[in-house]
Amino acid sequence: MGYAAGQLPEAFSLVVATHVSLCDECRAQLASFDAVGGALIEETDEIAMAEGALAASLARIETLDRKSQPAPRRSAGVFPAPLAEYVGGDLSAVRWRRVGGGVRQAILPTGKDATARLLYIPAGTAVPDHGHRGLELTLVLQGAFSDETDRFGRGDVEIADEDLEHTPVAMAGQDCICLAATDAPLKFRGLIPRLAQPLLRI
């Protein structure tokens, strides 16, 4: 609902848009929220526009070069179309940075309210034990991981808050790639992850 209303930070909106592209049920739910929003707009009182607002809007539309707009793409790779368009390609377009234990990350440019990152976790590898100071959404794009709560495969989203402390482990068989968004730093138990945290911005 927050996504439909445009109220989420950019990083969380990216996760939701990517998930919705993989989930028929969520796409239908989003359409219903959009319909409710449209109905509410129709029932609101009219507000006068500034003088010349319509002419200015039409002038801006005329200056758009429609040929310069890229055609919508369908993703045939690991990244669904919303993420592929955001990153500018698939896995080969990502600039990974090693964070230890074979795990790599790439922080994506988003607004300051929250951070979005891609995570590459080799199959069978555990992420250090940690808790959360805020909200974290983790969407699986390839492979799967499990923790104390459940198993998450492609298209699944784990929602973690201050009540969850866990040790995610990438399942055997295929490296796990995730898109994660957080609005606060994680709380690591181990000394080494805590020392590295400011440098890795996690």
N, C-alpha and C. Protein backbone atom coordinates (compact mmCIF):
# COMPACT_ATOMS: atom_id res chain seq x y z
N MET A 1 0.84 -1.19 0.00
CA MET A 1 0.00 0.00 0.00
C MET A 1 0.88 1.26 0.00
N GLY A 2 1.94 1.22 0.80
CA GLY A 2 2.86 2.35 0.82
C GLY A 2 3.52 2.57 -0.53
N TYR A 3 3.83 1.48 -1.23
CA TYR A 3 4.42 1.59 -2.57
C TYR A 3 3.42 2.22 -3.53
N ALA A 4 2.17 1.76 -3.49
CA ALA A 4 1.14 2.30 -4.38
C ALA A 4 0.91 3.78 -4.12
N ALA A 5 1.03 4.19 -2.87
CA ALA A 5 0.82 5.59 -2.50
C ALA A 5 2.06 6.45 -2.71
N GLY A 6 3.17 5.83 -3.08
CA GLY A 6 4.41 6.59 -3.29
C GLY A 6 5.04 7.07 -2.01
N GLN A 7 4.82 6.34 -0.91
CA GLN A 7 5.31 6.78 0.40
C GLN A 7 6.57 6.06 0.87
N LEU A 8 7.05 5.09 0.13
CA LEU A 8 8.22 4.33 0.57
C LEU A 8 9.52 5.02 0.16
N PRO A 9 10.57 4.85 0.95
CA PRO A 9 11.88 5.31 0.48
C PRO A 9 12.25 4.60 -0.83
N GLU A 10 13.09 5.23 -1.60
CA GLU A 10 13.46 4.70 -2.92
C GLU A 10 13.98 3.26 -2.85
N ALA A 11 14.81 2.97 -1.84
CA ALA A 11 15.39 1.62 -1.74
C ALA A 11 14.31 0.56 -1.54
N PHE A 12 13.32 0.84 -0.67
CA PHE A 12 12.24 -0.11 -0.44
C PHE A 12 11.34 -0.20 -1.67
N SER A 13 11.11 0.92 -2.35
CA SER A 13 10.31 0.89 -3.58
C SER A 13 10.95 0.01 -4.64
N LEU A 14 12.28 0.04 -4.72
CA LEU A 14 12.98 -0.80 -5.69
C LEU A 14 12.76 -2.28 -5.39
N VAL A 15 12.83 -2.66 -4.10
CA VAL A 15 12.60 -4.05 -3.73
C VAL A 15 11.17 -4.46 -4.06
N VAL A 16 10.20 -3.60 -3.72
CA VAL A 16 8.79 -3.94 -3.98
C VAL A 16 8.53 -4.04 -5.48
N ALA A 17 9.03 -3.10 -6.26
CA ALA A 17 8.81 -3.14 -7.71
C ALA A 17 9.40 -4.41 -8.32
N THR A 18 10.58 -4.79 -7.85
CA THR A 18 11.22 -6.00 -8.37
C THR A 18 10.44 -7.24 -7.96
N HIS A 19 9.98 -7.28 -6.70
CA HIS A 19 9.18 -8.42 -6.24
C HIS A 19 7.86 -8.52 -6.99
N VAL A 20 7.19 -7.40 -7.17
CA VAL A 20 5.89 -7.40 -7.86
C VAL A 20 6.03 -7.94 -9.28
N SER A 21 7.18 -7.70 -9.91
CA SER A 21 7.38 -8.21 -11.27
C SER A 21 7.50 -9.73 -11.30
N LEU A 22 7.73 -10.35 -10.14
CA LEU A 22 7.87 -11.81 -10.05
C LEU A 22 6.64 -12.50 -9.45
N CYS A 23 5.72 -11.74 -8.89
CA CYS A 23 4.63 -12.31 -8.11
C CYS A 23 3.28 -11.87 -8.66
N ASP A 24 2.55 -12.80 -9.29
CA ASP A 24 1.24 -12.47 -9.85
C ASP A 24 0.26 -12.00 -8.78
N GLU A 25 0.26 -12.67 -7.62
CA GLU A 25 -0.68 -12.32 -6.56
C GLU A 25 -0.42 -10.90 -6.06
N CYS A 26 0.85 -10.55 -5.87
CA CYS A 26 1.18 -9.21 -5.39
C CYS A 26 0.89 -8.15 -6.44
N ARG A 27 1.07 -8.52 -7.71
CA ARG A 27 0.75 -7.58 -8.79
C ARG A 27 -0.75 -7.27 -8.80
N ALA A 28 -1.57 -8.29 -8.56
CA ALA A 28 -3.02 -8.07 -8.50
C ALA A 28 -3.38 -7.22 -7.29
N GLN A 29 -2.70 -7.47 -6.16
CA GLN A 29 -2.98 -6.67 -4.97
C GLN A 29 -2.59 -5.21 -5.18
N LEU A 30 -1.46 -5.00 -5.85
CA LEU A 30 -1.03 -3.63 -6.15
C LEU A 30 -2.06 -2.94 -7.05
N ALA A 31 -2.61 -3.65 -8.02
CA ALA A 31 -3.62 -3.06 -8.90
C ALA A 31 -4.85 -2.63 -8.11
N SER A 32 -5.21 -3.43 -7.10
CA SER A 32 -6.37 -3.05 -6.29
C SER A 32 -6.08 -1.80 -5.46
N PHE A 33 -4.85 -1.69 -4.94
CA PHE A 33 -4.48 -0.48 -4.19
C PHE A 33 -4.48 0.74 -5.12
N ASP A 34 -3.99 0.56 -6.36
CA ASP A 34 -4.00 1.66 -7.32
C ASP A 34 -5.43 2.10 -7.63
N ALA A 35 -6.34 1.12 -7.73
CA ALA A 35 -7.74 1.45 -8.00
C ALA A 35 -8.36 2.24 -6.84
N VAL A 36 -8.05 1.83 -5.61
CA VAL A 36 -8.56 2.56 -4.44
C VAL A 36 -8.00 3.98 -4.44
N GLY A 37 -6.72 4.12 -4.73
CA GLY A 37 -6.11 5.45 -4.79
C GLY A 37 -6.77 6.32 -5.84
N GLY A 38 -7.05 5.73 -7.01
CA GLY A 38 -7.73 6.49 -8.06
C GLY A 38 -9.12 6.94 -7.64
N ALA A 39 -9.85 6.05 -6.96
CA ALA A 39 -11.20 6.40 -6.48
C ALA A 39 -11.13 7.54 -5.46
N LEU A 40 -10.13 7.51 -4.58
CA LEU A 40 -9.99 8.57 -3.58
C LEU A 40 -9.68 9.92 -4.24
N ILE A 41 -8.87 9.88 -5.27
CA ILE A 41 -8.53 11.12 -5.97
C ILE A 41 -9.77 11.71 -6.63
N GLU A 42 -10.61 10.84 -7.21
CA GLU A 42 -11.83 11.33 -7.86
C GLU A 42 -12.78 11.99 -6.88
N GLU A 43 -12.74 11.58 -5.60
CA GLU A 43 -13.66 12.11 -4.60
C GLU A 43 -13.13 13.35 -3.89
N THR A 44 -11.88 13.70 -4.11
CA THR A 44 -11.32 14.86 -3.42
C THR A 44 -11.78 16.16 -4.08
N ASP A 45 -11.74 17.22 -3.32
CA ASP A 45 -12.12 18.53 -3.85
C ASP A 45 -11.09 19.00 -4.86
N GLU A 46 -11.57 19.76 -5.83
CA GLU A 46 -10.66 20.32 -6.82
C GLU A 46 -9.81 21.41 -6.19
N ILE A 47 -8.58 21.51 -6.66
CA ILE A 47 -7.66 22.54 -6.19
C ILE A 47 -7.22 23.35 -7.40
N ALA A 48 -7.30 24.64 -7.30
CA ALA A 48 -6.93 25.51 -8.43
C ALA A 48 -5.44 25.39 -8.73
N MET A 49 -5.11 25.30 -10.00
CA MET A 49 -3.70 25.26 -10.41
C MET A 49 -3.16 26.67 -10.53
N ALA A 50 -1.87 26.78 -10.45
CA ALA A 50 -1.23 28.08 -10.62
C ALA A 50 -1.47 28.59 -12.03
N GLU A 51 -1.47 29.89 -12.18
CA GLU A 51 -1.69 30.47 -13.50
C GLU A 51 -0.56 30.05 -14.45
N GLY A 52 -0.93 29.56 -15.59
CA GLY A 52 0.06 29.13 -16.59
C GLY A 52 0.58 27.72 -16.39
N ALA A 53 0.07 26.99 -15.38
CA ALA A 53 0.58 25.64 -15.10
C ALA A 53 0.31 24.68 -16.26
N LEU A 54 -0.88 24.74 -16.83
CA LEU A 54 -1.22 23.85 -17.94
C LEU A 54 -0.34 24.13 -19.15
N ALA A 55 -0.18 25.39 -19.50
CA ALA A 55 0.65 25.75 -20.65
C ALA A 55 2.10 25.31 -20.44
N ALA A 56 2.60 25.48 -19.22
CA ALA A 56 3.97 25.08 -18.92
C ALA A 56 4.13 23.57 -19.04
N SER A 57 3.13 22.82 -18.57
CA SER A 57 3.20 21.36 -18.66
C SER A 57 3.17 20.90 -20.11
N LEU A 58 2.29 21.48 -20.91
CA LEU A 58 2.21 21.11 -22.32
C LEU A 58 3.50 21.46 -23.06
N ALA A 59 4.10 22.58 -22.71
CA ALA A 59 5.37 22.98 -23.34
C ALA A 59 6.47 21.98 -23.01
N ARG A 60 6.50 21.51 -21.77
CA ARG A 60 7.53 20.52 -21.39
C ARG A 60 7.32 19.22 -22.14
N ILE A 61 6.07 18.81 -22.30
CA ILE A 61 5.79 17.57 -23.04
C ILE A 61 6.27 17.67 -24.47
N GLU A 62 6.06 18.84 -25.10
CA GLU A 62 6.47 19.03 -26.49
C GLU A 62 7.98 18.95 -26.66
N THR A 63 8.74 19.31 -25.62
CA THR A 63 10.20 19.30 -25.74
C THR A 63 10.80 17.92 -25.52
N LEU A 64 9.99 16.96 -25.07
CA LEU A 64 10.53 15.61 -24.86
C LEU A 64 10.88 14.97 -26.19
N ASP A 65 12.05 14.37 -26.23
CA ASP A 65 12.46 13.62 -27.42
C ASP A 65 12.08 12.16 -27.19
N ARG A 66 10.94 11.75 -27.75
CA ARG A 66 10.46 10.39 -27.51
C ARG A 66 11.42 9.33 -28.04
N LYS A 67 12.20 9.66 -29.07
CA LYS A 67 13.15 8.69 -29.62
C LYS A 67 14.28 8.39 -28.64
N SER A 68 14.54 9.32 -27.73
CA SER A 68 15.64 9.10 -26.78
C SER A 68 15.23 8.22 -25.61
N GLN A 69 13.93 7.97 -25.46
CA GLN A 69 13.46 7.12 -24.38
C GLN A 69 13.67 5.66 -24.74
N PRO A 70 14.38 4.89 -23.91
CA PRO A 70 14.60 3.48 -24.22
C PRO A 70 13.29 2.70 -24.15
N ALA A 71 13.15 1.74 -25.04
CA ALA A 71 11.96 0.89 -25.02
C ALA A 71 11.99 -0.01 -23.79
N PRO A 72 10.83 -0.29 -23.21
CA PRO A 72 10.81 -1.19 -22.06
C PRO A 72 11.47 -2.52 -22.40
N ARG A 73 12.27 -3.05 -21.46
CA ARG A 73 12.98 -4.30 -21.71
C ARG A 73 12.40 -5.42 -20.88
N ARG A 74 12.45 -6.58 -21.44
CA ARG A 74 12.14 -7.78 -20.68
C ARG A 74 13.47 -8.41 -20.32
N SER A 75 13.63 -8.77 -19.07
CA SER A 75 14.89 -9.33 -18.62
C SER A 75 14.92 -10.83 -18.84
N ALA A 76 15.99 -11.30 -19.47
CA ALA A 76 16.17 -12.74 -19.64
C ALA A 76 17.23 -13.26 -18.69
N GLY A 77 17.76 -12.39 -17.83
CA GLY A 77 18.82 -12.78 -16.93
C GLY A 77 18.33 -13.00 -15.51
N VAL A 78 19.23 -12.82 -14.56
CA VAL A 78 18.91 -13.01 -13.15
C VAL A 78 18.03 -11.87 -12.64
N PHE A 79 18.30 -10.65 -13.10
CA PHE A 79 17.57 -9.49 -12.61
C PHE A 79 16.24 -9.33 -13.35
N PRO A 80 15.13 -9.23 -12.62
CA PRO A 80 13.86 -8.88 -13.25
C PRO A 80 13.96 -7.48 -13.87
N ALA A 81 13.05 -7.16 -14.80
CA ALA A 81 13.14 -5.92 -15.56
C ALA A 81 13.28 -4.66 -14.71
N PRO A 82 12.50 -4.47 -13.62
CA PRO A 82 12.67 -3.22 -12.86
C PRO A 82 14.09 -3.05 -12.31
N LEU A 83 14.69 -4.12 -11.85
CA LEU A 83 16.05 -4.04 -11.31
C LEU A 83 17.07 -3.90 -12.42
N ALA A 84 16.88 -4.64 -13.52
CA ALA A 84 17.81 -4.55 -14.65
C ALA A 84 17.84 -3.13 -15.20
N GLU A 85 16.68 -2.48 -15.28
CA GLU A 85 16.64 -1.11 -15.76
C GLU A 85 17.30 -0.16 -14.78
N TYR A 86 17.16 -0.44 -13.50
CA TYR A 86 17.75 0.40 -12.46
C TYR A 86 19.28 0.29 -12.47
N VAL A 87 19.77 -0.95 -12.60
CA VAL A 87 21.22 -1.21 -12.58
C VAL A 87 21.87 -0.85 -13.91
N GLY A 88 21.08 -0.95 -14.99
CA GLY A 88 21.63 -0.71 -16.32
C GLY A 88 22.16 -1.98 -16.96
N GLY A 89 21.59 -3.12 -16.58
CA GLY A 89 22.01 -4.41 -17.13
C GLY A 89 21.78 -5.52 -16.13
N ASP A 90 22.42 -6.64 -16.37
CA ASP A 90 22.27 -7.79 -15.49
C ASP A 90 23.52 -7.92 -14.62
N LEU A 91 23.87 -9.12 -14.23
CA LEU A 91 24.99 -9.34 -13.31
C LEU A 91 26.30 -8.74 -13.81
N SER A 92 26.53 -8.76 -15.11
CA SER A 92 27.79 -8.25 -15.65
C SER A 92 27.93 -6.74 -15.46
N ALA A 93 26.82 -6.03 -15.20
CA ALA A 93 26.86 -4.58 -15.01
C ALA A 93 27.14 -4.19 -13.56
N VAL A 94 27.19 -5.17 -12.66
CA VAL A 94 27.34 -4.88 -11.23
C VAL A 94 28.81 -4.77 -10.86
N ARG A 95 29.15 -3.75 -10.08
CA ARG A 95 30.51 -3.59 -9.55
C ARG A 95 30.53 -4.13 -8.13
N TRP A 96 30.88 -5.39 -8.01
CA TRP A 96 30.88 -6.05 -6.71
C TRP A 96 32.06 -5.61 -5.87
N ARG A 97 31.87 -5.62 -4.56
CA ARG A 97 32.94 -5.34 -3.60
C ARG A 97 32.95 -6.47 -2.59
N ARG A 98 34.12 -7.04 -2.35
CA ARG A 98 34.24 -8.15 -1.40
C ARG A 98 34.02 -7.66 0.03
N VAL A 99 33.26 -8.44 0.79
CA VAL A 99 33.03 -8.07 2.19
C VAL A 99 33.52 -9.15 3.15
N GLY A 100 34.06 -10.24 2.62
CA GLY A 100 34.63 -11.30 3.46
C GLY A 100 33.88 -12.61 3.33
N GLY A 101 34.62 -13.70 3.47
CA GLY A 101 34.02 -15.03 3.42
C GLY A 101 33.46 -15.39 2.07
N GLY A 102 33.92 -14.73 1.01
CA GLY A 102 33.40 -14.99 -0.33
C GLY A 102 32.17 -14.17 -0.66
N VAL A 103 31.60 -13.49 0.34
CA VAL A 103 30.41 -12.67 0.13
C VAL A 103 30.82 -11.36 -0.54
N ARG A 104 30.00 -10.93 -1.50
CA ARG A 104 30.23 -9.66 -2.17
C ARG A 104 28.96 -8.81 -2.09
N GLN A 105 29.13 -7.50 -2.18
CA GLN A 105 27.97 -6.62 -2.20
C GLN A 105 28.20 -5.49 -3.20
N ALA A 106 27.11 -4.88 -3.61
CA ALA A 106 27.15 -3.67 -4.43
C ALA A 106 26.06 -2.75 -3.92
N ILE A 107 26.46 -1.59 -3.41
CA ILE A 107 25.50 -0.62 -2.91
C ILE A 107 24.96 0.18 -4.10
N LEU A 108 23.64 0.25 -4.21
CA LEU A 108 23.00 0.93 -5.32
C LEU A 108 22.70 2.37 -4.94
N PRO A 109 22.76 3.29 -5.90
CA PRO A 109 22.47 4.70 -5.58
C PRO A 109 20.98 4.91 -5.36
N THR A 110 20.61 5.28 -4.15
CA THR A 110 19.21 5.58 -3.82
C THR A 110 19.16 6.78 -2.90
N GLY A 111 17.96 7.20 -2.54
CA GLY A 111 17.79 8.31 -1.61
C GLY A 111 18.38 8.00 -0.25
N LYS A 112 18.49 9.02 0.60
CA LYS A 112 19.17 8.88 1.89
C LYS A 112 18.34 8.19 2.96
N ASP A 113 17.03 8.04 2.75
CA ASP A 113 16.16 7.45 3.78
C ASP A 113 16.45 5.97 4.03
N ALA A 114 16.98 5.28 3.03
CA ALA A 114 17.27 3.85 3.15
C ALA A 114 18.34 3.48 2.13
N THR A 115 18.95 2.31 2.33
CA THR A 115 20.03 1.85 1.45
C THR A 115 19.61 0.56 0.76
N ALA A 116 19.91 0.47 -0.54
CA ALA A 116 19.67 -0.75 -1.30
C ALA A 116 21.02 -1.33 -1.70
N ARG A 117 21.13 -2.66 -1.58
CA ARG A 117 22.38 -3.32 -1.97
C ARG A 117 22.07 -4.67 -2.58
N LEU A 118 22.92 -5.06 -3.51
CA LEU A 118 22.90 -6.42 -4.03
C LEU A 118 23.89 -7.25 -3.23
N LEU A 119 23.51 -8.46 -2.89
CA LEU A 119 24.38 -9.36 -2.14
C LEU A 119 24.60 -10.63 -2.94
N TYR A 120 25.85 -11.06 -2.99
CA TYR A 120 26.23 -12.32 -3.65
C TYR A 120 26.82 -13.21 -2.56
N ILE A 121 26.12 -14.30 -2.26
CA ILE A 121 26.53 -15.19 -1.17
C ILE A 121 26.79 -16.58 -1.75
N PRO A 122 28.03 -17.06 -1.75
CA PRO A 122 28.32 -18.38 -2.30
C PRO A 122 27.48 -19.47 -1.63
N ALA A 123 27.12 -20.47 -2.41
CA ALA A 123 26.32 -21.58 -1.89
C ALA A 123 26.98 -22.18 -0.66
N GLY A 124 26.19 -22.42 0.38
CA GLY A 124 26.70 -23.01 1.60
C GLY A 124 27.33 -22.04 2.57
N THR A 125 27.42 -20.76 2.21
CA THR A 125 28.06 -19.76 3.05
C THR A 125 27.05 -19.10 3.99
N ALA A 126 27.47 -18.86 5.22
CA ALA A 126 26.62 -18.18 6.20
C ALA A 126 27.00 -16.71 6.30
N VAL A 127 26.01 -15.86 6.43
CA VAL A 127 26.23 -14.45 6.72
C VAL A 127 26.38 -14.33 8.24
N PRO A 128 27.27 -13.47 8.74
CA PRO A 128 27.46 -13.38 10.20
C PRO A 128 26.15 -13.12 10.95
N ASP A 129 26.07 -13.68 12.17
CA ASP A 129 24.91 -13.46 13.03
C ASP A 129 24.67 -11.96 13.18
N HIS A 130 23.42 -11.57 13.07
CA HIS A 130 23.11 -10.15 13.23
C HIS A 130 21.65 -9.93 13.58
N GLY A 131 21.39 -8.76 14.16
CA GLY A 131 20.04 -8.28 14.41
C GLY A 131 19.83 -7.02 13.60
N HIS A 132 18.74 -6.31 13.88
CA HIS A 132 18.37 -5.16 13.07
C HIS A 132 17.97 -3.98 13.95
N ARG A 133 18.41 -2.80 13.54
CA ARG A 133 18.03 -1.57 14.25
C ARG A 133 16.80 -0.93 13.61
N GLY A 134 16.38 -1.46 12.48
CA GLY A 134 15.24 -0.92 11.75
C GLY A 134 14.63 -2.02 10.91
N LEU A 135 14.15 -1.65 9.73
CA LEU A 135 13.49 -2.59 8.83
C LEU A 135 14.46 -3.03 7.73
N GLU A 136 14.40 -4.32 7.40
CA GLU A 136 15.19 -4.84 6.29
C GLU A 136 14.28 -5.72 5.43
N LEU A 137 14.26 -5.46 4.12
CA LEU A 137 13.58 -6.31 3.16
C LEU A 137 14.64 -6.99 2.31
N THR A 138 14.59 -8.31 2.23
CA THR A 138 15.57 -9.06 1.42
C THR A 138 14.82 -9.90 0.41
N LEU A 139 15.04 -9.62 -0.87
CA LEU A 139 14.40 -10.33 -1.99
C LEU A 139 15.42 -11.25 -2.64
N VAL A 140 15.08 -12.53 -2.76
CA VAL A 140 15.97 -13.50 -3.40
C VAL A 140 15.79 -13.43 -4.91
N LEU A 141 16.91 -13.28 -5.62
CA LEU A 141 16.91 -13.22 -7.08
C LEU A 141 17.44 -14.50 -7.72
N GLN A 142 18.29 -15.20 -7.01
CA GLN A 142 18.86 -16.46 -7.51
C GLN A 142 19.21 -17.33 -6.30
N GLY A 143 19.06 -18.64 -6.46
CA GLY A 143 19.38 -19.54 -5.37
C GLY A 143 18.37 -19.42 -4.25
N ALA A 144 18.83 -19.67 -3.03
CA ALA A 144 17.95 -19.62 -1.86
C ALA A 144 18.80 -19.48 -0.61
N PHE A 145 18.17 -19.00 0.48
CA PHE A 145 18.83 -19.00 1.77
C PHE A 145 17.82 -19.42 2.83
N SER A 146 18.34 -19.85 3.95
CA SER A 146 17.48 -20.20 5.08
C SER A 146 18.04 -19.57 6.34
N ASP A 147 17.18 -19.38 7.32
CA ASP A 147 17.60 -18.90 8.63
C ASP A 147 16.70 -19.52 9.68
N GLU A 148 16.70 -18.95 10.87
CA GLU A 148 15.93 -19.51 11.97
C GLU A 148 14.42 -19.46 11.73
N THR A 149 13.98 -18.65 10.76
CA THR A 149 12.54 -18.48 10.55
C THR A 149 11.99 -19.32 9.41
N ASP A 150 12.74 -19.47 8.29
CA ASP A 150 12.16 -20.12 7.11
C ASP A 150 13.23 -20.30 6.03
N ARG A 151 12.77 -20.80 4.87
CA ARG A 151 13.61 -20.91 3.68
C ARG A 151 13.04 -19.95 2.65
N PHE A 152 13.93 -19.22 1.94
CA PHE A 152 13.50 -18.21 0.98
C PHE A 152 14.15 -18.50 -0.37
N GLY A 153 13.33 -18.65 -1.41
CA GLY A 153 13.81 -18.90 -2.77
C GLY A 153 13.51 -17.72 -3.68
N ARG A 154 13.79 -17.88 -4.97
CA ARG A 154 13.62 -16.78 -5.93
C ARG A 154 12.22 -16.18 -5.83
N GLY A 155 12.19 -14.86 -5.69
CA GLY A 155 10.94 -14.13 -5.62
C GLY A 155 10.43 -13.93 -4.20
N ASP A 156 10.96 -14.69 -3.24
CA ASP A 156 10.52 -14.55 -1.84
C ASP A 156 11.18 -13.33 -1.19
N VAL A 157 10.45 -12.72 -0.27
CA VAL A 157 10.97 -11.58 0.48
C VAL A 157 10.93 -11.90 1.97
N GLU A 158 12.08 -11.74 2.64
CA GLU A 158 12.09 -11.83 4.10
C GLU A 158 12.00 -10.42 4.65
N ILE A 159 11.08 -10.22 5.59
CA ILE A 159 10.93 -8.94 6.27
C ILE A 159 11.49 -9.09 7.67
N ALA A 160 12.52 -8.32 7.98
CA ALA A 160 13.18 -8.41 9.29
C ALA A 160 13.09 -7.05 9.99
N ASP A 161 12.85 -7.09 11.30
CA ASP A 161 12.81 -5.87 12.10
C ASP A 161 13.63 -6.07 13.37
N GLU A 162 13.43 -5.19 14.34
CA GLU A 162 14.23 -5.22 15.56
C GLU A 162 14.06 -6.51 16.36
N ASP A 163 13.00 -7.24 16.12
CA ASP A 163 12.74 -8.47 16.87
C ASP A 163 13.49 -9.69 16.33
N LEU A 164 14.08 -9.57 15.13
CA LEU A 164 14.71 -10.74 14.51
C LEU A 164 16.22 -10.68 14.61
N GLU A 165 16.81 -11.72 15.19
CA GLU A 165 18.25 -11.96 15.12
C GLU A 165 18.42 -13.29 14.42
N HIS A 166 19.28 -13.32 13.40
CA HIS A 166 19.37 -14.55 12.60
C HIS A 166 20.75 -14.70 11.96
N THR A 167 20.95 -15.90 11.41
CA THR A 167 22.16 -16.24 10.68
C THR A 167 21.75 -16.82 9.33
N PRO A 168 21.55 -15.98 8.32
CA PRO A 168 21.16 -16.50 7.01
C PRO A 168 22.28 -17.35 6.40
N VAL A 169 21.89 -18.48 5.79
CA VAL A 169 22.84 -19.38 5.15
C VAL A 169 22.37 -19.65 3.73
N ALA A 170 23.23 -19.41 2.74
CA ALA A 170 22.89 -19.73 1.36
C ALA A 170 22.81 -21.24 1.20
N MET A 171 21.73 -21.70 0.59
CA MET A 171 21.52 -23.13 0.40
C MET A 171 22.55 -23.69 -0.58
N ALA A 172 22.85 -24.98 -0.42
CA ALA A 172 23.80 -25.65 -1.32
C ALA A 172 23.21 -25.72 -2.72
N GLY A 173 24.09 -25.81 -3.70
CA GLY A 173 23.67 -26.04 -5.07
C GLY A 173 23.83 -24.85 -5.99
N GLN A 174 23.48 -23.67 -5.53
CA GLN A 174 23.56 -22.47 -6.37
C GLN A 174 23.87 -21.26 -5.50
N ASP A 175 24.77 -20.41 -5.98
CA ASP A 175 25.08 -19.19 -5.25
C ASP A 175 23.81 -18.36 -5.10
N CYS A 176 23.68 -17.67 -3.98
CA CYS A 176 22.48 -16.88 -3.68
C CYS A 176 22.75 -15.41 -3.98
N ILE A 177 21.86 -14.81 -4.74
CA ILE A 177 21.94 -13.39 -5.04
C ILE A 177 20.66 -12.74 -4.55
N CYS A 178 20.81 -11.68 -3.77
CA CYS A 178 19.66 -11.01 -3.16
C CYS A 178 19.73 -9.51 -3.39
N LEU A 179 18.56 -8.89 -3.34
CA LEU A 179 18.44 -7.44 -3.29
C LEU A 179 17.90 -7.11 -1.90
N ALA A 180 18.64 -6.32 -1.14
CA ALA A 180 18.23 -6.00 0.23
C ALA A 180 18.14 -4.49 0.41
N ALA A 181 17.16 -4.06 1.19
CA ALA A 181 17.01 -2.65 1.53
C ALA A 181 16.90 -2.53 3.04
N THR A 182 17.62 -1.57 3.62
CA THR A 182 17.60 -1.33 5.06
C THR A 182 17.46 0.16 5.33
N ASP A 183 16.81 0.49 6.45
CA ASP A 183 16.71 1.89 6.83
C ASP A 183 17.52 2.21 8.09
N ALA A 184 18.34 1.26 8.52
CA ALA A 184 19.21 1.47 9.68
C ALA A 184 20.34 0.44 9.62
N PRO A 185 21.48 0.71 10.26
CA PRO A 185 22.57 -0.27 10.27
C PRO A 185 22.17 -1.57 10.97
N LEU A 186 22.79 -2.67 10.55
CA LEU A 186 22.57 -3.95 11.21
C LEU A 186 23.30 -3.98 12.56
N LYS A 187 22.91 -4.95 13.40
CA LYS A 187 23.58 -5.14 14.69
C LYS A 187 24.30 -6.47 14.65
N PHE A 188 25.62 -6.45 14.43
CA PHE A 188 26.41 -7.67 14.37
C PHE A 188 26.85 -8.09 15.76
N ARG A 189 26.90 -9.38 15.99
CA ARG A 189 27.36 -9.91 17.28
C ARG A 189 28.88 -10.01 17.33
N GLY A 190 29.47 -10.43 16.21
CA GLY A 190 30.91 -10.68 16.18
C GLY A 190 31.73 -9.40 16.13
N LEU A 191 32.93 -9.46 16.69
CA LEU A 191 33.80 -8.28 16.73
C LEU A 191 34.26 -7.86 15.34
N ILE A 192 34.70 -8.81 14.51
CA ILE A 192 35.23 -8.46 13.18
C ILE A 192 34.16 -7.81 12.32
N PRO A 193 32.94 -8.37 12.22
CA PRO A 193 31.92 -7.66 11.44
C PRO A 193 31.62 -6.26 11.97
N ARG A 194 31.65 -6.09 13.30
CA ARG A 194 31.38 -4.77 13.87
C ARG A 194 32.47 -3.78 13.48
N LEU A 195 33.72 -4.24 13.47
CA LEU A 195 34.83 -3.36 13.10
C LEU A 195 34.77 -2.98 11.62
N ALA A 196 34.35 -3.93 10.79
CA ALA A 196 34.30 -3.69 9.35
C ALA A 196 33.06 -2.91 8.92
N GLN A 197 32.07 -2.86 9.78
CA GLN A 197 30.76 -2.29 9.43
C GLN A 197 30.83 -0.87 8.87
N PRO A 198 31.57 0.06 9.50
CA PRO A 198 31.60 1.41 8.94
C PRO A 198 32.18 1.47 7.54
N LEU A 199 33.20 0.65 7.27
CA LEU A 199 33.81 0.64 5.93
C LEU A 199 32.88 0.04 4.88
N LEU A 200 32.13 -0.97 5.28
CA LEU A 200 31.26 -1.67 4.32
C LEU A 200 29.87 -1.07 4.24
N ARG A 201 29.57 -0.13 5.14
CA ARG A 201 28.28 0.59 5.14
C ARG A 201 27.10 -0.39 5.25
N ILE A 202 27.19 -1.32 6.20
CA ILE A 202 26.09 -2.27 6.40
C ILE A 202 25.52 -2.19 7.81
